[in-house]
Amino acid sequence: MDNVEITKSQEILLKVTKIVETECPQDACALLEEGFVLLGISSSIFEDSENRFVYALGFPKPTVELSDWARTNF
């Protein structure tokens, strides 16, 4: 078999232990500061007709290393 080298991005994805979603840009920014990895942003239209973005974030670190805010909310 050929040895396949994985990229740094693929290596990070292998470490993801938690997936969270948030519509709130402030939460997404705070989670990125906590070390979450942004997996994607999609546009969603809700019944109130506002265009909002949905952020999907994954976390590669143990939860004990999170702040109280991140542990209690996500």
PDB file of N, CA and C in Angstrom:
ATOM      1  N   MET A   1       0.830  -1.189   0.000  1.00  0.00           N
ATOM      2  CA  MET A   1       0.000   0.000   0.000  1.00  0.00           C
ATOM      3  C   MET A   1       0.869   1.246   0.000  1.00  0.00           C
ATOM      4  N   ASP A   2       0.383   2.265  -0.673  1.00  0.00           N
ATOM      5  CA  ASP A   2       1.086   3.541  -0.683  1.00  0.00           C
ATOM      6  C   ASP A   2       0.866   4.256   0.641  1.00  0.00           C
ATOM      7  N   ASN A   3       1.916   4.916   1.122  1.00  0.00           N
ATOM      8  CA  ASN A   3       1.761   5.761   2.309  1.00  0.00           C
ATOM      9  C   ASN A   3       1.144   7.077   1.866  1.00  0.00           C
ATOM     10  N   VAL A   4       0.028   7.429   2.487  1.00  0.00           N
ATOM     11  CA  VAL A   4      -0.655   8.673   2.155  1.00  0.00           C
ATOM     12  C   VAL A   4      -0.391   9.648   3.285  1.00  0.00           C
ATOM     13  N   GLU A   5       0.145  10.798   2.927  1.00  0.00           N
ATOM     14  CA  GLU A   5       0.434  11.814   3.923  1.00  0.00           C
ATOM     15  C   GLU A   5      -0.795  12.692   4.106  1.00  0.00           C
ATOM     16  N   ILE A   6      -1.171  12.892   5.363  1.00  0.00           N
ATOM     17  CA  ILE A   6      -2.337  13.728   5.600  1.00  0.00           C
ATOM     18  C   ILE A   6      -1.903  15.167   5.851  1.00  0.00           C
ATOM     19  N   THR A   7      -2.785  16.075   5.482  1.00  0.00           N
ATOM     20  CA  THR A   7      -2.489  17.499   5.660  1.00  0.00           C
ATOM     21  C   THR A   7      -2.760  17.904   7.109  1.00  0.00           C
ATOM     22  N   LYS A   8      -2.287  19.074   7.478  1.00  0.00           N
ATOM     23  CA  LYS A   8      -2.523  19.609   8.822  1.00  0.00           C
ATOM     24  C   LYS A   8      -4.026  19.757   9.072  1.00  0.00           C
ATOM     25  N   SER A   9      -4.765  20.207   8.072  1.00  0.00           N
ATOM     26  CA  SER A   9      -6.219  20.356   8.206  1.00  0.00           C
ATOM     27  C   SER A   9      -6.886  19.020   8.472  1.00  0.00           C
ATOM     28  N   GLN A  10      -6.468  17.986   7.750  1.00  0.00           N
ATOM     29  CA  GLN A  10      -7.030  16.653   7.959  1.00  0.00           C
ATOM     30  C   GLN A  10      -6.675  16.132   9.347  1.00  0.00           C
ATOM     31  N   GLU A  11      -5.469  16.424   9.803  1.00  0.00           N
ATOM     32  CA  GLU A  11      -5.033  15.998  11.135  1.00  0.00           C
ATOM     33  C   GLU A  11      -5.901  16.647  12.210  1.00  0.00           C
ATOM     34  N   ILE A  12      -6.210  17.933  12.051  1.00  0.00           N
ATOM     35  CA  ILE A  12      -7.072  18.639  13.003  1.00  0.00           C
ATOM     36  C   ILE A  12      -8.456  18.006  13.025  1.00  0.00           C
ATOM     37  N   LEU A  13      -9.004  17.690  11.857  1.00  0.00           N
ATOM     38  CA  LEU A  13     -10.331  17.083  11.806  1.00  0.00           C
ATOM     39  C   LEU A  13     -10.366  15.732  12.507  1.00  0.00           C
ATOM     40  N   LEU A  14      -9.270  14.990  12.468  1.00  0.00           N
ATOM     41  CA  LEU A  14      -9.217  13.701  13.160  1.00  0.00           C
ATOM     42  C   LEU A  14      -9.269  13.864  14.673  1.00  0.00           C
ATOM     43  N   LYS A  15      -8.914  15.052  15.169  1.00  0.00           N
ATOM     44  CA  LYS A  15      -8.912  15.318  16.606  1.00  0.00           C
ATOM     45  C   LYS A  15     -10.236  15.874  17.112  1.00  0.00           C
ATOM     46  N   VAL A  16     -11.153  16.189  16.213  1.00  0.00           N
ATOM     47  CA  VAL A  16     -12.415  16.791  16.629  1.00  0.00           C
ATOM     48  C   VAL A  16     -13.206  15.805  17.473  1.00  0.00           C
ATOM     49  N   THR A  17     -13.578  16.229  18.670  1.00  0.00           N
ATOM     50  CA  THR A  17     -14.339  15.365  19.564  1.00  0.00           C
ATOM     51  C   THR A  17     -15.736  15.912  19.829  1.00  0.00           C
ATOM     52  N   LYS A  18     -16.001  17.115  19.377  1.00  0.00           N
ATOM     53  CA  LYS A  18     -17.302  17.711  19.634  1.00  0.00           C
ATOM     54  C   LYS A  18     -17.660  18.633  18.482  1.00  0.00           C
ATOM     55  N   ILE A  19     -18.900  18.566  18.048  1.00  0.00           N
ATOM     56  CA  ILE A  19     -19.402  19.463  17.009  1.00  0.00           C
ATOM     57  C   ILE A  19     -20.479  20.323  17.651  1.00  0.00           C
ATOM     58  N   VAL A  20     -20.380  21.611  17.501  1.00  0.00           N
ATOM     59  CA  VAL A  20     -21.421  22.516  17.990  1.00  0.00           C
ATOM     60  C   VAL A  20     -21.837  23.420  16.843  1.00  0.00           C
ATOM     61  N   GLU A  21     -23.053  23.919  16.916  1.00  0.00           N
ATOM     62  CA  GLU A  21     -23.533  24.865  15.922  1.00  0.00           C
ATOM     63  C   GLU A  21     -24.007  26.109  16.646  1.00  0.00           C
ATOM     64  N   THR A  22     -23.794  27.242  16.044  1.00  0.00           N
ATOM     65  CA  THR A  22     -24.305  28.486  16.608  1.00  0.00           C
ATOM     66  C   THR A  22     -24.681  29.431  15.484  1.00  0.00           C
ATOM     67  N   GLU A  23     -25.744  30.201  15.704  1.00  0.00           N
ATOM     68  CA  GLU A  23     -26.153  31.228  14.743  1.00  0.00           C
ATOM     69  C   GLU A  23     -25.549  32.562  15.117  1.00  0.00           C
ATOM     70  N   CYS A  24     -24.961  32.648  16.277  1.00  0.00           N
ATOM     71  CA  CYS A  24     -24.538  33.922  16.839  1.00  0.00           C
ATOM     72  C   CYS A  24     -23.074  34.212  16.526  1.00  0.00           C
ATOM     73  N   PRO A  25     -22.777  35.265  15.771  1.00  0.00           N
ATOM     74  CA  PRO A  25     -21.387  35.570  15.443  1.00  0.00           C
ATOM     75  C   PRO A  25     -20.529  35.835  16.673  1.00  0.00           C
ATOM     76  N   GLN A  26     -21.138  36.432  17.716  1.00  0.00           N
ATOM     77  CA  GLN A  26     -20.363  36.699  18.937  1.00  0.00           C
ATOM     78  C   GLN A  26     -19.945  35.383  19.601  1.00  0.00           C
ATOM     79  N   ASP A  27     -20.872  34.412  19.633  1.00  0.00           N
ATOM     80  CA  ASP A  27     -20.529  33.099  20.186  1.00  0.00           C
ATOM     81  C   ASP A  27     -19.460  32.419  19.337  1.00  0.00           C
ATOM     82  N   ALA A  28     -19.605  32.519  18.007  1.00  0.00           N
ATOM     83  CA  ALA A  28     -18.621  31.893  17.121  1.00  0.00           C
ATOM     84  C   ALA A  28     -17.238  32.492  17.348  1.00  0.00           C
ATOM     85  N   CYS A  29     -17.166  33.813  17.476  1.00  0.00           N
ATOM     86  CA  CYS A  29     -15.876  34.465  17.718  1.00  0.00           C
ATOM     87  C   CYS A  29     -15.284  34.028  19.052  1.00  0.00           C
ATOM     88  N   ALA A  30     -16.118  33.969  20.083  1.00  0.00           N
ATOM     89  CA  ALA A  30     -15.635  33.547  21.404  1.00  0.00           C
ATOM     90  C   ALA A  30     -15.172  32.102  21.375  1.00  0.00           C
ATOM     91  N   LEU A  31     -15.886  31.253  20.662  1.00  0.00           N
ATOM     92  CA  LEU A  31     -15.499  29.837  20.568  1.00  0.00           C
ATOM     93  C   LEU A  31     -14.191  29.671  19.798  1.00  0.00           C
ATOM     94  N   LEU A  32     -13.994  30.476  18.765  1.00  0.00           N
ATOM     95  CA  LEU A  32     -12.726  30.423  18.039  1.00  0.00           C
ATOM     96  C   LEU A  32     -11.569  30.803  18.957  1.00  0.00           C
ATOM     97  N   GLU A  33     -11.802  31.790  19.824  1.00  0.00           N
ATOM     98  CA  GLU A  33     -10.770  32.179  20.793  1.00  0.00           C
ATOM     99  C   GLU A  33     -10.488  31.058  21.786  1.00  0.00           C
ATOM    100  N   GLU A  34     -11.493  30.214  22.059  1.00  0.00           N
ATOM    101  CA  GLU A  34     -11.333  29.075  22.964  1.00  0.00           C
ATOM    102  C   GLU A  34     -10.556  27.933  22.318  1.00  0.00           C
ATOM    103  N   GLY A  35     -10.341  28.016  21.013  1.00  0.00           N
ATOM    104  CA  GLY A  35      -9.614  26.957  20.332  1.00  0.00           C
ATOM    105  C   GLY A  35     -10.473  26.078  19.449  1.00  0.00           C
ATOM    106  N   PHE A  36     -11.764  26.427  19.325  1.00  0.00           N
ATOM    107  CA  PHE A  36     -12.614  25.672  18.417  1.00  0.00           C
ATOM    108  C   PHE A  36     -12.127  25.882  16.989  1.00  0.00           C
ATOM    109  N   VAL A  37     -12.436  24.963  16.131  1.00  0.00           N
ATOM    110  CA  VAL A  37     -12.058  25.049  14.728  1.00  0.00           C
ATOM    111  C   VAL A  37     -13.326  25.268  13.924  1.00  0.00           C
ATOM    112  N   LEU A  38     -13.337  26.302  13.106  1.00  0.00           N
ATOM    113  CA  LEU A  38     -14.496  26.605  12.284  1.00  0.00           C
ATOM    114  C   LEU A  38     -14.548  25.626  11.121  1.00  0.00           C
ATOM    115  N   LEU A  39     -15.635  24.850  11.057  1.00  0.00           N
ATOM    116  CA  LEU A  39     -15.775  23.851  10.006  1.00  0.00           C
ATOM    117  C   LEU A  39     -16.564  24.364   8.813  1.00  0.00           C
ATOM    118  N   GLY A  40     -17.464  25.313   9.050  1.00  0.00           N
ATOM    119  CA  GLY A  40     -18.223  25.826   7.929  1.00  0.00           C
ATOM    120  C   GLY A  40     -19.215  26.886   8.334  1.00  0.00           C
ATOM    121  N   ILE A  41     -19.619  27.669   7.371  1.00  0.00           N
ATOM    122  CA  ILE A  41     -20.640  28.683   7.578  1.00  0.00           C
ATOM    123  C   ILE A  41     -21.654  28.502   6.461  1.00  0.00           C
ATOM    124  N   SER A  42     -22.916  28.430   6.842  1.00  0.00           N
ATOM    125  CA  SER A  42     -23.932  28.343   5.799  1.00  0.00           C
ATOM    126  C   SER A  42     -24.992  29.395   6.053  1.00  0.00           C
ATOM    127  N   SER A  43     -25.611  29.833   4.990  1.00  0.00           N
ATOM    128  CA  SER A  43     -26.658  30.849   5.108  1.00  0.00           C
ATOM    129  C   SER A  43     -27.984  30.132   5.282  1.00  0.00           C
ATOM    130  N   SER A  44     -28.806  30.648   6.158  1.00  0.00           N
ATOM    131  CA  SER A  44     -30.093  30.021   6.439  1.00  0.00           C
ATOM    132  C   SER A  44     -31.158  31.099   6.492  1.00  0.00           C
ATOM    133  N   ILE A  45     -32.313  30.791   5.992  1.00  0.00           N
ATOM    134  CA  ILE A  45     -33.422  31.740   6.064  1.00  0.00           C
ATOM    135  C   ILE A  45     -34.460  31.150   7.019  1.00  0.00           C
ATOM    136  N   PHE A  46     -34.749  31.878   8.082  1.00  0.00           N
ATOM    137  CA  PHE A  46     -35.692  31.426   9.087  1.00  0.00           C
ATOM    138  C   PHE A  46     -37.060  32.040   8.832  1.00  0.00           C
ATOM    139  N   GLU A  47     -38.054  31.595   9.569  1.00  0.00           N
ATOM    140  CA  GLU A  47     -39.423  32.071   9.373  1.00  0.00           C
ATOM    141  C   GLU A  47     -39.564  33.575   9.548  1.00  0.00           C
ATOM    142  N   ASP A  48     -38.697  34.180  10.352  1.00  0.00           N
ATOM    143  CA  ASP A  48     -38.790  35.632  10.539  1.00  0.00           C
ATOM    144  C   ASP A  48     -38.180  36.399   9.365  1.00  0.00           C
ATOM    145  N   SER A  49     -37.815  35.687   8.304  1.00  0.00           N
ATOM    146  CA  SER A  49     -37.305  36.246   7.055  1.00  0.00           C
ATOM    147  C   SER A  49     -35.959  36.968   7.177  1.00  0.00           C
ATOM    148  N   GLU A  50     -35.259  36.776   8.282  1.00  0.00           N
ATOM    149  CA  GLU A  50     -33.925  37.353   8.395  1.00  0.00           C
ATOM    150  C   GLU A  50     -32.909  36.361   7.843  1.00  0.00           C
ATOM    151  N   ASN A  51     -31.959  36.875   7.113  1.00  0.00           N
ATOM    152  CA  ASN A  51     -30.868  36.008   6.671  1.00  0.00           C
ATOM    153  C   ASN A  51     -29.874  35.884   7.815  1.00  0.00           C
ATOM    154  N   ARG A  52     -29.581  34.684   8.212  1.00  0.00           N
ATOM    155  CA  ARG A  52     -28.637  34.466   9.303  1.00  0.00           C
ATOM    156  C   ARG A  52     -27.616  33.434   8.857  1.00  0.00           C
ATOM    157  N   PHE A  53     -26.462  33.505   9.452  1.00  0.00           N
ATOM    158  CA  PHE A  53     -25.436  32.516   9.165  1.00  0.00           C
ATOM    159  C   PHE A  53     -25.427  31.473  10.268  1.00  0.00           C
ATOM    160  N   VAL A  54     -25.217  30.240   9.891  1.00  0.00           N
ATOM    161  CA  VAL A  54     -25.094  29.154  10.846  1.00  0.00           C
ATOM    162  C   VAL A  54     -23.637  28.707  10.821  1.00  0.00           C
ATOM    163  N   TYR A  55     -22.977  28.778  11.966  1.00  0.00           N
ATOM    164  CA  TYR A  55     -21.589  28.384  12.079  1.00  0.00           C
ATOM    165  C   TYR A  55     -21.525  26.974  12.653  1.00  0.00           C
ATOM    166  N   ALA A  56     -20.772  26.100  12.056  1.00  0.00           N
ATOM    167  CA  ALA A  56     -20.532  24.780  12.624  1.00  0.00           C
ATOM    168  C   ALA A  56     -19.090  24.780  13.127  1.00  0.00           C
ATOM    169  N   LEU A  57     -18.922  24.466  14.417  1.00  0.00           N
ATOM    170  CA  LEU A  57     -17.595  24.504  15.011  1.00  0.00           C
ATOM    171  C   LEU A  57     -17.283  23.176  15.669  1.00  0.00           C
ATOM    172  N   GLY A  58     -16.045  22.746  15.560  1.00  0.00           N
ATOM    173  CA  GLY A  58     -15.617  21.520  16.209  1.00  0.00           C
ATOM    174  C   GLY A  58     -14.504  21.820  17.186  1.00  0.00           C
ATOM    175  N   PHE A  59     -14.454  21.041  18.255  1.00  0.00           N
ATOM    176  CA  PHE A  59     -13.459  21.296  19.284  1.00  0.00           C
ATOM    177  C   PHE A  59     -12.508  20.129  19.440  1.00  0.00           C
ATOM    178  N   PRO A  60     -11.191  20.354  19.260  1.00  0.00           N
ATOM    179  CA  PRO A  60     -10.236  19.257  19.319  1.00  0.00           C
ATOM    180  C   PRO A  60      -9.592  19.031  20.683  1.00  0.00           C
ATOM    181  N   LYS A  61      -9.839  19.932  21.675  1.00  0.00           N
ATOM    182  CA  LYS A  61      -9.185  19.818  22.976  1.00  0.00           C
ATOM    183  C   LYS A  61     -10.103  19.153  24.000  1.00  0.00           C
ATOM    184  N   PRO A  62      -9.552  18.632  25.095  1.00  0.00           N
ATOM    185  CA  PRO A  62     -10.390  18.101  26.174  1.00  0.00           C
ATOM    186  C   PRO A  62     -11.222  19.228  26.793  1.00  0.00           C
ATOM    187  N   THR A  63     -12.439  18.917  27.204  1.00  0.00           N
ATOM    188  CA  THR A  63     -13.325  19.946  27.732  1.00  0.00           C
ATOM    189  C   THR A  63     -12.811  20.563  29.024  1.00  0.00           C
ATOM    190  N   VAL A  64     -11.949  19.875  29.750  1.00  0.00           N
ATOM    191  CA  VAL A  64     -11.405  20.453  30.990  1.00  0.00           C
ATOM    192  C   VAL A  64     -10.549  21.688  30.706  1.00  0.00           C
ATOM    193  N   GLU A  65     -10.084  21.840  29.487  1.00  0.00           N
ATOM    194  CA  GLU A  65      -9.269  22.999  29.119  1.00  0.00           C
ATOM    195  C   GLU A  65     -10.101  24.196  28.665  1.00  0.00           C
ATOM    196  N   LEU A  66     -11.431  24.024  28.627  1.00  0.00           N
ATOM    197  CA  LEU A  66     -12.311  25.116  28.216  1.00  0.00           C
ATOM    198  C   LEU A  66     -12.582  26.066  29.362  1.00  0.00           C
ATOM    199  N   SER A  67     -12.994  27.270  29.017  1.00  0.00           N
ATOM    200  CA  SER A  67     -13.432  28.215  30.042  1.00  0.00           C
ATOM    201  C   SER A  67     -14.773  27.746  30.589  1.00  0.00           C
ATOM    202  N   ASP A  68     -15.151  28.293  31.731  1.00  0.00           N
ATOM    203  CA  ASP A  68     -16.462  27.964  32.309  1.00  0.00           C
ATOM    204  C   ASP A  68     -17.589  28.295  31.345  1.00  0.00           C
ATOM    205  N   TRP A  69     -17.446  29.449  30.651  1.00  0.00           N
ATOM    206  CA  TRP A  69     -18.468  29.868  29.687  1.00  0.00           C
ATOM    207  C   TRP A  69     -18.664  28.802  28.601  1.00  0.00           C
ATOM    208  N   ALA A  70     -17.593  28.336  28.015  1.00  0.00           N
ATOM    209  CA  ALA A  70     -17.696  27.355  26.930  1.00  0.00           C
ATOM    210  C   ALA A  70     -18.226  26.018  27.446  1.00  0.00           C
ATOM    211  N   ARG A  71     -17.760  25.601  28.618  1.00  0.00           N
ATOM    212  CA  ARG A  71     -18.217  24.316  29.183  1.00  0.00           C
ATOM    213  C   ARG A  71     -19.710  24.353  29.490  1.00  0.00           C
ATOM    214  N   THR A  72     -20.197  25.439  30.055  1.00  0.00           N
ATOM    215  CA  THR A  72     -21.592  25.483  30.453  1.00  0.00           C
ATOM    216  C   THR A  72     -22.543  25.732  29.278  1.00  0.00           C
ATOM    217  N   ASN A  73     -22.061  26.396  28.243  1.00  0.00           N
ATOM    218  CA  ASN A  73     -22.951  26.705  27.112  1.00  0.00           C
ATOM    219  C   ASN A  73     -22.837  25.744  25.943  1.00  0.00           C
ATOM    220  N   PHE A  74     -21.724  25.032  25.855  1.00  0.00           N
ATOM    221  CA  PHE A  74     -21.536  24.152  24.711  1.00  0.00           C
ATOM    222  C   PHE A  74     -21.036  22.797  25.131  1.00  0.00           C
TER     223      PHE A  74
END
